[in-house]
Amino acid sequence: MSAVRKSESGEDIRTELPEDLGEVSDFFRAIGKQIKLLRERAGLTRKELGELVGYGERLISSVERGVRTLQPELK
């Protein structure tokens, strides 16, 4: 698995991630899918869920995609 980041000049730099980090990413994506499923079953939009838990719509989207992790303060 590899990650892409930008250099100071704006070029993409691809770095290899440790194997276990890929497994962690898979775990967070799976958790995010579960959150999305539960949100949709509750009939909530990302914006509505964000308002209920004190986060923005973009953060909810990032959590659902497994890009961001849940914080302990998420109710």
Protein backbone atom coordinates (compact mmCIF):
# COMPACT_ATOMS: atom_id res chain seq x y z
CA MET A 1 0.00 0.00 0.00
CA SER A 2 1.24 3.52 -0.71
CA ALA A 3 0.30 7.05 0.25
CA VAL A 4 0.53 10.17 -1.87
CA ARG A 5 1.51 13.56 -0.49
CA LYS A 6 2.54 16.83 -2.10
CA SER A 7 6.09 18.11 -2.09
CA GLU A 8 6.87 21.79 -1.49
CA SER A 9 6.91 22.26 -5.26
CA GLY A 10 3.46 20.68 -5.58
CA GLU A 11 4.63 17.36 -7.03
CA ASP A 12 3.08 14.09 -5.88
CA ILE A 13 5.37 12.01 -3.67
CA ARG A 14 4.37 8.36 -3.26
CA THR A 15 5.55 6.64 -0.09
CA GLU A 16 5.07 3.06 0.95
CA LEU A 17 3.03 2.47 4.08
CA PRO A 18 3.79 -0.29 6.56
CA GLU A 19 1.59 -3.35 6.04
CA ASP A 20 -0.17 -2.96 9.38
CA LEU A 21 -1.08 0.65 8.58
CA GLY A 22 -3.00 -0.65 5.56
CA GLU A 23 -4.90 -2.97 7.86
CA VAL A 24 -5.73 -0.06 10.15
CA SER A 25 -7.03 1.90 7.15
CA ASP A 26 -9.22 -1.05 6.17
CA PHE A 27 -10.57 -1.16 9.71
CA PHE A 28 -11.49 2.54 9.70
CA ARG A 29 -13.17 2.21 6.29
CA ALA A 30 -15.24 -0.69 7.65
CA ILE A 31 -16.25 1.36 10.71
CA GLY A 32 -17.12 4.28 8.45
CA LYS A 33 -19.37 2.06 6.32
CA GLN A 34 -21.19 0.95 9.46
CA ILE A 35 -21.69 4.54 10.58
CA LYS A 36 -23.06 5.45 7.16
CA LEU A 37 -25.40 2.47 7.20
CA LEU A 38 -26.73 3.38 10.65
CA ARG A 39 -27.10 7.05 9.69
CA GLU A 40 -29.06 6.15 6.57
CA ARG A 41 -31.27 3.70 8.51
CA ALA A 42 -32.04 6.52 10.94
CA GLY A 43 -33.07 8.68 7.96
CA LEU A 44 -30.44 11.32 8.65
CA THR A 45 -28.34 13.30 6.23
CA ARG A 46 -24.67 13.89 7.00
CA LYS A 47 -25.53 17.45 7.89
CA GLU A 48 -28.25 16.36 10.33
CA LEU A 49 -25.97 13.81 12.01
CA GLY A 50 -23.23 16.41 12.24
CA GLU A 51 -25.58 18.84 13.95
CA LEU A 52 -26.61 16.15 16.45
CA VAL A 53 -23.04 15.29 17.42
CA GLY A 54 -21.46 18.72 17.05
CA TYR A 55 -19.46 18.09 13.87
CA GLY A 56 -19.66 19.45 10.35
CA GLU A 57 -21.00 17.60 7.34
CA ARG A 58 -17.51 17.31 5.82
CA LEU A 59 -16.12 15.64 8.95
CA ILE A 60 -19.00 13.12 8.98
CA SER A 61 -18.24 12.38 5.33
CA SER A 62 -14.55 11.87 6.12
CA VAL A 63 -15.35 9.49 8.98
CA GLU A 64 -17.75 7.50 6.77
CA ARG A 65 -15.03 7.16 4.12
CA GLY A 66 -12.48 6.07 6.71
CA VAL A 67 -10.28 9.09 6.04
CA ARG A 68 -10.69 10.50 9.56
CA THR A 69 -11.05 8.58 12.79
CA LEU A 70 -13.71 8.98 15.41
CA GLN A 71 -12.84 11.15 18.35
CA PRO A 72 -13.70 10.12 21.92
CA GLU A 73 -16.01 13.10 22.27
CA LEU A 74 -18.31 11.82 19.48
CA LYS A 75 -21.55 11.06 21.30
